[in-house]
Amino acid sequence: MQLPREAVLLRIFIAEQDKYQHHPLYEAIVFKAREMHMAGATVLRGPLGFGRSSRVHTAKVLRLSEDLPIVVEIVDSQEQIDMFLPVLDTMIGGGLITLEKVRVLQYGTDRVS
């Protein structure tokens, strides 16, 4: 798979306990992205964060939280991201989704020309 030099970074900010059809939402997003042949997806678990509610979620020892911030990142072409967004809209009840243009320098072992 080739990624264009100019691509789009899709970031999805959700909570660890968010679900989609009885599965963790972050997992469902990654498997759906794979099913749709997206270039790749990465899930990042945050040790500390807050969102619209201003409720702090933390991984500190004295405040063990099972609802830590999760960020799912997907980099792909504008066209692929545009096809994925309506699907994502059916999966996510709340959260934050951002898009930004990125310059791809390398994808896999081959440099992008």
C-alpha atoms as a PDB file:
ATOM      1  CA  MET A   1       0.000   0.000   0.000  1.00  0.00           C
ATOM      2  CA  GLN A   2       1.241   3.456  -0.883  1.00  0.00           C
ATOM      3  CA  LEU A   3       0.485   6.560   1.114  1.00  0.00           C
ATOM      4  CA  PRO A   4       0.538   9.902  -0.658  1.00  0.00           C
ATOM      5  CA  ARG A   5       3.143  12.410   0.470  1.00  0.00           C
ATOM      6  CA  GLU A   6       0.321  14.752   1.532  1.00  0.00           C
ATOM      7  CA  ALA A   7      -2.094  12.805   3.756  1.00  0.00           C
ATOM      8  CA  VAL A   8      -4.570  13.376   6.576  1.00  0.00           C
ATOM      9  CA  LEU A   9      -4.238  12.537  10.267  1.00  0.00           C
ATOM     10  CA  LEU A  10      -7.523  11.536  11.871  1.00  0.00           C
ATOM     11  CA  ARG A  11      -7.481  11.701  15.683  1.00  0.00           C
ATOM     12  CA  ILE A  12     -10.302  10.291  17.744  1.00  0.00           C
ATOM     13  CA  PHE A  13     -10.419  11.182  21.441  1.00  0.00           C
ATOM     14  CA  ILE A  14     -12.608   8.829  23.462  1.00  0.00           C
ATOM     15  CA  ALA A  15     -12.700   7.148  26.869  1.00  0.00           C
ATOM     16  CA  GLU A  16     -11.380   3.703  27.665  1.00  0.00           C
ATOM     17  CA  GLN A  17     -14.799   2.480  28.829  1.00  0.00           C
ATOM     18  CA  ASP A  18     -16.658   3.609  25.681  1.00  0.00           C
ATOM     19  CA  LYS A  19     -18.296   0.646  23.952  1.00  0.00           C
ATOM     20  CA  TYR A  20     -19.553  -0.255  20.497  1.00  0.00           C
ATOM     21  CA  GLN A  21     -21.698  -3.383  20.229  1.00  0.00           C
ATOM     22  CA  HIS A  22     -20.397  -4.702  23.581  1.00  0.00           C
ATOM     23  CA  HIS A  23     -16.729  -4.272  22.573  1.00  0.00           C
ATOM     24  CA  PRO A  24     -14.277  -1.524  23.513  1.00  0.00           C
ATOM     25  CA  LEU A  25     -14.887   1.344  21.095  1.00  0.00           C
ATOM     26  CA  TYR A  26     -11.178   1.842  20.378  1.00  0.00           C
ATOM     27  CA  GLU A  27     -10.921  -1.829  19.383  1.00  0.00           C
ATOM     28  CA  ALA A  28     -13.999  -1.620  17.151  1.00  0.00           C
ATOM     29  CA  ILE A  29     -12.584   1.475  15.419  1.00  0.00           C
ATOM     30  CA  VAL A  30      -9.255  -0.235  14.689  1.00  0.00           C
ATOM     31  CA  PHE A  31     -10.894  -3.396  13.357  1.00  0.00           C
ATOM     32  CA  LYS A  32     -13.277  -1.353  11.176  1.00  0.00           C
ATOM     33  CA  ALA A  33     -10.329   0.672   9.829  1.00  0.00           C
ATOM     34  CA  ARG A  34      -8.537  -2.578   9.001  1.00  0.00           C
ATOM     35  CA  GLU A  35     -11.660  -3.978   7.348  1.00  0.00           C
ATOM     36  CA  MET A  36     -11.842  -0.842   5.196  1.00  0.00           C
ATOM     37  CA  HIS A  37      -8.171  -1.232   4.194  1.00  0.00           C
ATOM     38  CA  MET A  38      -6.979   1.944   5.907  1.00  0.00           C
ATOM     39  CA  ALA A  39      -3.206   2.409   5.953  1.00  0.00           C
ATOM     40  CA  GLY A  40      -2.976   1.797   9.703  1.00  0.00           C
ATOM     41  CA  ALA A  41      -4.280   2.761  13.122  1.00  0.00           C
ATOM     42  CA  THR A  42      -2.668   3.280  16.508  1.00  0.00           C
ATOM     43  CA  VAL A  43      -4.337   3.406  19.912  1.00  0.00           C
ATOM     44  CA  LEU A  44      -2.718   5.572  22.580  1.00  0.00           C
ATOM     45  CA  ARG A  45      -3.751   5.308  26.229  1.00  0.00           C
ATOM     46  CA  GLY A  46      -3.328   8.524  28.175  1.00  0.00           C
ATOM     47  CA  PRO A  47      -2.237   8.548  31.816  1.00  0.00           C
ATOM     48  CA  LEU A  48      -4.063  11.819  32.485  1.00  0.00           C
ATOM     49  CA  GLY A  49      -6.684  13.939  30.785  1.00  0.00           C
ATOM     50  CA  PHE A  50     -10.048  15.655  30.897  1.00  0.00           C
ATOM     51  CA  GLY A  51     -12.680  16.553  28.363  1.00  0.00           C
ATOM     52  CA  ARG A  52     -15.909  18.489  28.067  1.00  0.00           C
ATOM     53  CA  SER A  53     -17.110  17.404  31.532  1.00  0.00           C
ATOM     54  CA  SER A  54     -13.861  18.702  33.120  1.00  0.00           C
ATOM     55  CA  ARG A  55     -13.684  15.437  35.085  1.00  0.00           C
ATOM     56  CA  VAL A  56     -10.016  14.428  35.426  1.00  0.00           C
ATOM     57  CA  HIS A  57      -9.156  10.854  34.486  1.00  0.00           C
ATOM     58  CA  THR A  58      -5.834   9.685  35.884  1.00  0.00           C
ATOM     59  CA  ALA A  59      -3.729   6.561  36.231  1.00  0.00           C
ATOM     60  CA  LYS A  60      -2.184   7.628  39.549  1.00  0.00           C
ATOM     61  CA  VAL A  61      -1.814   4.817  42.076  1.00  0.00           C
ATOM     62  CA  LEU A  62      -4.132   6.382  44.656  1.00  0.00           C
ATOM     63  CA  ARG A  63      -6.819   7.066  42.061  1.00  0.00           C
ATOM     64  CA  LEU A  64      -6.970   3.956  39.916  1.00  0.00           C
ATOM     65  CA  SER A  65      -9.133   4.823  36.950  1.00  0.00           C
ATOM     66  CA  GLU A  66     -10.512   2.314  34.521  1.00  0.00           C
ATOM     67  CA  ASP A  67     -11.707   5.070  32.233  1.00  0.00           C
ATOM     68  CA  LEU A  68      -8.497   6.646  30.980  1.00  0.00           C
ATOM     69  CA  PRO A  69      -8.299   8.843  27.887  1.00  0.00           C
ATOM     70  CA  ILE A  70      -7.819   6.992  24.606  1.00  0.00           C
ATOM     71  CA  VAL A  71      -6.637   8.489  21.319  1.00  0.00           C
ATOM     72  CA  VAL A  72      -6.968   6.535  18.078  1.00  0.00           C
ATOM     73  CA  GLU A  73      -4.803   7.891  15.260  1.00  0.00           C
ATOM     74  CA  ILE A  74      -5.207   6.993  11.603  1.00  0.00           C
ATOM     75  CA  VAL A  75      -3.124   8.447   8.758  1.00  0.00           C
ATOM     76  CA  ASP A  76      -4.346   7.903   5.220  1.00  0.00           C
ATOM     77  CA  SER A  77      -5.290   9.713   2.028  1.00  0.00           C
ATOM     78  CA  GLN A  78      -8.016  12.352   2.120  1.00  0.00           C
ATOM     79  CA  GLU A  79     -10.251  10.032   0.083  1.00  0.00           C
ATOM     80  CA  GLN A  80      -9.873   7.089   2.489  1.00  0.00           C
ATOM     81  CA  ILE A  81     -10.471   9.297   5.533  1.00  0.00           C
ATOM     82  CA  ASP A  82     -13.553  10.806   3.847  1.00  0.00           C
ATOM     83  CA  MET A  83     -14.969   7.291   3.323  1.00  0.00           C
ATOM     84  CA  PHE A  84     -14.240   6.334   6.936  1.00  0.00           C
ATOM     85  CA  LEU A  85     -15.844   9.380   8.611  1.00  0.00           C
ATOM     86  CA  PRO A  86     -19.510   8.398   7.997  1.00  0.00           C
ATOM     87  CA  VAL A  87     -18.798   4.919   9.380  1.00  0.00           C
ATOM     88  CA  LEU A  88     -17.090   6.441  12.400  1.00  0.00           C
ATOM     89  CA  ASP A  89     -20.097   8.689  12.942  1.00  0.00           C
ATOM     90  CA  THR A  90     -22.305   5.606  13.440  1.00  0.00           C
ATOM     91  CA  MET A  91     -19.888   4.166  16.014  1.00  0.00           C
ATOM     92  CA  ILE A  92     -19.155   7.137  18.266  1.00  0.00           C
ATOM     93  CA  GLY A  93     -21.743   8.627  20.591  1.00  0.00           C
ATOM     94  CA  GLY A  94     -19.457  11.230  22.121  1.00  0.00           C
ATOM     95  CA  GLY A  95     -15.856  12.293  21.966  1.00  0.00           C
ATOM     96  CA  LEU A  96     -13.721  14.569  19.863  1.00  0.00           C
ATOM     97  CA  ILE A  97     -12.582  13.975  16.301  1.00  0.00           C
ATOM     98  CA  THR A  98      -9.926  16.127  14.657  1.00  0.00           C
ATOM     99  CA  LEU A  99      -8.375  16.176  11.200  1.00  0.00           C
ATOM    100  CA  GLU A 100      -5.147  17.740  10.080  1.00  0.00           C
ATOM    101  CA  LYS A 101      -3.075  17.646   6.956  1.00  0.00           C
ATOM    102  CA  VAL A 102       0.259  15.884   7.414  1.00  0.00           C
ATOM    103  CA  ARG A 103       3.315  15.275   5.282  1.00  0.00           C
ATOM    104  CA  VAL A 104       4.269  11.602   5.111  1.00  0.00           C
ATOM    105  CA  LEU A 105       8.024  11.054   5.066  1.00  0.00           C
ATOM    106  CA  GLN A 106       8.061   7.290   5.414  1.00  0.00           C
ATOM    107  CA  TYR A 107       5.501   4.483   5.512  1.00  0.00           C
ATOM    108  CA  GLY A 108       6.878   1.031   6.238  1.00  0.00           C
ATOM    109  CA  THR A 109      10.387   0.385   4.982  1.00  0.00           C
ATOM    110  CA  ASP A 110      10.155   2.419   1.778  1.00  0.00           C
ATOM    111  CA  ARG A 111      10.486   6.170   1.695  1.00  0.00           C
ATOM    112  CA  VAL A 112       7.606   8.070   0.117  1.00  0.00           C
ATOM    113  CA  SER A 113       8.763   9.603  -3.164  1.00  0.00           C
END
